C-alpha atoms as a PDB file:
ATOM      1  CA  UNK A   1     221.956 112.204 312.078  1.00  0.00           C
ATOM      2  CA  UNK A   2     220.451 108.953 313.302  1.00  0.00           C
ATOM      3  CA  UNK A   3     216.849 109.230 314.431  1.00  0.00           C
ATOM      4  CA  UNK A   4     215.194 106.839 316.885  1.00  0.00           C
ATOM      5  CA  UNK A   5     213.073 104.394 314.890  1.00  0.00           C
ATOM      6  CA  UNK A   6     209.947 105.129 316.925  1.00  0.00           C
ATOM      7  CA  UNK A   7     210.348 108.852 316.208  1.00  0.00           C
ATOM      8  CA  UNK A   8     210.698 108.250 312.455  1.00  0.00           C
ATOM      9  CA  UNK A   9     207.618 106.026 312.462  1.00  0.00           C
ATOM     10  CA  UNK A  10     205.597 108.577 314.453  1.00  0.00           C
ATOM     11  CA  UNK A  11     206.542 111.433 312.090  1.00  0.00           C
ATOM     12  CA  UNK A  12     205.669 109.427 308.987  1.00  0.00           C
ATOM     13  CA  UNK A  13     202.396 108.173 310.497  1.00  0.00           C
ATOM     14  CA  UNK A  14     201.434 111.739 311.361  1.00  0.00           C
ATOM     15  CA  UNK A  15     202.218 113.011 307.850  1.00  0.00           C
ATOM     16  CA  UNK A  16     200.132 110.209 306.335  1.00  0.00           C
ATOM     17  CA  UNK A  17     197.069 111.669 308.098  1.00  0.00           C
ATOM     18  CA  UNK A  18     197.217 115.068 306.362  1.00  0.00           C
ATOM     19  CA  UNK A  19     194.175 115.158 304.052  1.00  0.00           C
ATOM     20  CA  UNK A  20     194.472 115.926 300.324  1.00  0.00           C
ATOM     21  CA  UNK A  21     194.249 119.652 299.609  1.00  0.00           C
ATOM     22  CA  UNK A  22     195.473 120.521 303.100  1.00  0.00           C
ATOM     23  CA  UNK A  23     198.922 121.093 304.607  1.00  0.00           C
ATOM     24  CA  UNK A  24     200.586 121.226 307.971  1.00  0.00           C
ATOM     25  CA  UNK A  25     203.942 122.582 309.068  1.00  0.00           C
ATOM     26  CA  UNK A  26     207.169 120.958 310.176  1.00  0.00           C
ATOM     27  CA  UNK A  27     206.650 122.617 313.565  1.00  0.00           C
ATOM     28  CA  UNK A  28     203.114 121.280 313.928  1.00  0.00           C
ATOM     29  CA  UNK A  29     204.334 117.744 313.210  1.00  0.00           C
ATOM     30  CA  UNK A  30     207.113 118.228 315.778  1.00  0.00           C
ATOM     31  CA  UNK A  31     204.583 119.331 318.406  1.00  0.00           C
ATOM     32  CA  UNK A  32     202.270 116.411 317.632  1.00  0.00           C
ATOM     33  CA  UNK A  33     205.054 113.829 317.831  1.00  0.00           C
ATOM     34  CA  UNK A  34     207.228 114.965 320.706  1.00  0.00           C
ATOM     35  CA  UNK A  35     209.974 117.239 321.872  1.00  0.00           C
ATOM     36  CA  UNK A  36     212.200 117.407 318.789  1.00  0.00           C
ATOM     37  CA  UNK A  37     211.753 120.529 316.706  1.00  0.00           C
ATOM     38  CA  UNK A  38     210.893 121.295 313.090  1.00  0.00           C
ATOM     39  CA  UNK A  39     214.447 120.774 311.814  1.00  0.00           C
ATOM     40  CA  UNK A  40     214.434 117.213 313.084  1.00  0.00           C
ATOM     41  CA  UNK A  41     211.107 116.601 311.349  1.00  0.00           C
ATOM     42  CA  UNK A  42     212.617 118.023 308.159  1.00  0.00           C
ATOM     43  CA  UNK A  43     215.582 115.678 308.499  1.00  0.00           C
ATOM     44  CA  UNK A  44     213.276 112.687 308.947  1.00  0.00           C
ATOM     45  CA  UNK A  45     211.250 113.741 305.917  1.00  0.00           C
ATOM     46  CA  UNK A  46     214.400 114.184 303.814  1.00  0.00           C
ATOM     47  CA  UNK A  47     215.690 110.732 304.751  1.00  0.00           C
ATOM     48  CA  UNK A  48     212.478 108.699 304.979  1.00  0.00           C
ATOM     49  CA  UNK A  49     209.559 110.767 303.618  1.00  0.00           C
ATOM     50  CA  UNK A  50     209.368 109.444 300.063  1.00  0.00           C
ATOM     51  CA  UNK A  51     206.445 107.040 300.675  1.00  0.00           C
ATOM     52  CA  UNK A  52     204.249 109.610 302.479  1.00  0.00           C
ATOM     53  CA  UNK A  53     202.615 112.810 301.116  1.00  0.00           C
ATOM     54  CA  UNK A  54     205.690 114.964 301.846  1.00  0.00           C
ATOM     55  CA  UNK A  55     204.327 117.897 299.807  1.00  0.00           C
ATOM     56  CA  UNK A  56     201.666 118.392 302.477  1.00  0.00           C
ATOM     57  CA  UNK A  57     204.316 119.524 304.991  1.00  0.00           C
ATOM     58  CA  UNK A  58     205.507 123.108 304.532  1.00  0.00           C
ATOM     59  CA  UNK A  59     207.483 125.771 306.357  1.00  0.00           C
ATOM     60  CA  UNK A  60     205.683 127.954 308.898  1.00  0.00           C
ATOM     61  CA  UNK A  61     205.236 130.692 306.274  1.00  0.00           C
ATOM     62  CA  UNK A  62     203.651 128.302 303.753  1.00  0.00           C
ATOM     63  CA  UNK A  63     206.720 127.996 301.531  1.00  0.00           C
ATOM     64  CA  UNK A  64     208.603 124.915 300.426  1.00  0.00           C
ATOM     65  CA  UNK A  65     212.295 124.320 299.998  1.00  0.00           C
ATOM     66  CA  UNK A  66     213.248 125.280 296.411  1.00  0.00           C
ATOM     67  CA  UNK A  67     213.960 121.633 295.553  1.00  0.00           C
ATOM     68  CA  UNK A  68     210.285 120.766 296.193  1.00  0.00           C
ATOM     69  CA  UNK A  69     208.674 123.459 294.041  1.00  0.00           C
ATOM     70  CA  UNK A  70     208.223 121.436 290.835  1.00  0.00           C
ATOM     71  CA  UNK A  71     206.556 118.242 292.003  1.00  0.00           C
ATOM     72  CA  UNK A  72     204.799 119.802 294.980  1.00  0.00           C
ATOM     73  CA  UNK A  73     203.151 122.479 292.820  1.00  0.00           C
ATOM     74  CA  UNK A  74     201.801 119.796 290.496  1.00  0.00           C
ATOM     75  CA  UNK A  75     200.401 117.901 293.501  1.00  0.00           C
ATOM     76  CA  UNK A  76     198.815 121.064 294.912  1.00  0.00           C
ATOM     77  CA  UNK A  77     197.055 121.672 291.603  1.00  0.00           C
ATOM     78  CA  UNK A  78     195.810 118.067 291.492  1.00  0.00           C
ATOM     79  CA  UNK A  79     194.497 118.281 295.049  1.00  0.00           C
ATOM     80  CA  UNK A  80     193.115 121.814 294.848  1.00  0.00           C
ATOM     81  CA  UNK A  81     195.382 123.125 297.599  1.00  0.00           C
ATOM     82  CA  UNK A  82     195.036 126.924 297.857  1.00  0.00           C
ATOM     83  CA  UNK A  83     198.283 128.646 296.816  1.00  0.00           C
ATOM     84  CA  UNK A  84     199.528 132.052 295.713  1.00  0.00           C
ATOM     85  CA  UNK A  85     202.622 133.357 293.968  1.00  0.00           C
ATOM     86  CA  UNK A  86     205.479 134.637 296.115  1.00  0.00           C
ATOM     87  CA  UNK A  87     206.470 137.081 293.414  1.00  0.00           C
ATOM     88  CA  UNK A  88     209.778 135.272 293.024  1.00  0.00           C
ATOM     89  CA  UNK A  89     208.408 132.644 290.638  1.00  0.00           C
ATOM     90  CA  UNK A  90     207.563 130.185 293.410  1.00  0.00           C
ATOM     91  CA  UNK A  91     204.297 129.344 295.137  1.00  0.00           C
ATOM     92  CA  UNK A  92     203.298 129.586 298.753  1.00  0.00           C
ATOM     93  CA  UNK A  93     200.448 127.614 300.296  1.00  0.00           C
ATOM     94  CA  UNK A  94     197.654 129.764 301.714  1.00  0.00           C
ATOM     95  CA  UNK A  95     197.894 128.553 305.305  1.00  0.00           C
ATOM     96  CA  UNK A  96     194.817 130.508 306.371  1.00  0.00           C
ATOM     97  CA  UNK A  97     192.612 128.174 304.341  1.00  0.00           C
ATOM     98  CA  UNK A  98     194.766 125.047 303.848  1.00  0.00           C
ATOM     99  CA  UNK A  99     196.264 124.487 307.325  1.00  0.00           C
ATOM    100  CA  UNK A 100     195.460 121.207 309.070  1.00  0.00           C
ATOM    101  CA  UNK A 101     196.383 120.694 312.735  1.00  0.00           C
ATOM    102  CA  UNK A 102     197.652 117.168 313.357  1.00  0.00           C
ATOM    103  CA  UNK A 103     196.317 115.172 316.295  1.00  0.00           C
ATOM    104  CA  UNK A 104     198.611 113.884 319.039  1.00  0.00           C
ATOM    105  CA  UNK A 105     200.870 111.477 317.148  1.00  0.00           C
ATOM    106  CA  UNK A 106     203.067 110.515 320.093  1.00  0.00           C
ATOM    107  CA  UNK A 107     201.160 107.334 320.863  1.00  0.00           C
ATOM    108  CA  UNK A 108     200.301 108.566 324.343  1.00  0.00           C
ATOM    109  CA  UNK A 109     203.872 109.378 325.319  1.00  0.00           C
ATOM    110  CA  UNK A 110     206.246 112.082 324.254  1.00  0.00           C
ATOM    111  CA  UNK A 111     208.967 110.724 321.998  1.00  0.00           C
ATOM    112  CA  UNK A 112     212.435 112.099 322.261  1.00  0.00           C
END
């Protein structure tokens, strides 16, 4: 799916603001940037998110896609991000203490 360039830039700029040791959700980024939902943010991150701290964006329940578990867990440990075991051998971020709400990242207008 082709994303408007201004939307991609807004998503990446918003993700760059997430402080070390904190996380936000795909849905929170979507709200901060404009009308597209969390899946669109996930698509942007999958296609363009390599240069930004992608591990700081998680699902609404604090989990990551299985493909992110290895590197993200190492980053969480480096940054001191609060996590807990899911019981299935994976980690979940403790959103109650690690969640960061992004500011309005739409540049003053809703993108979409």
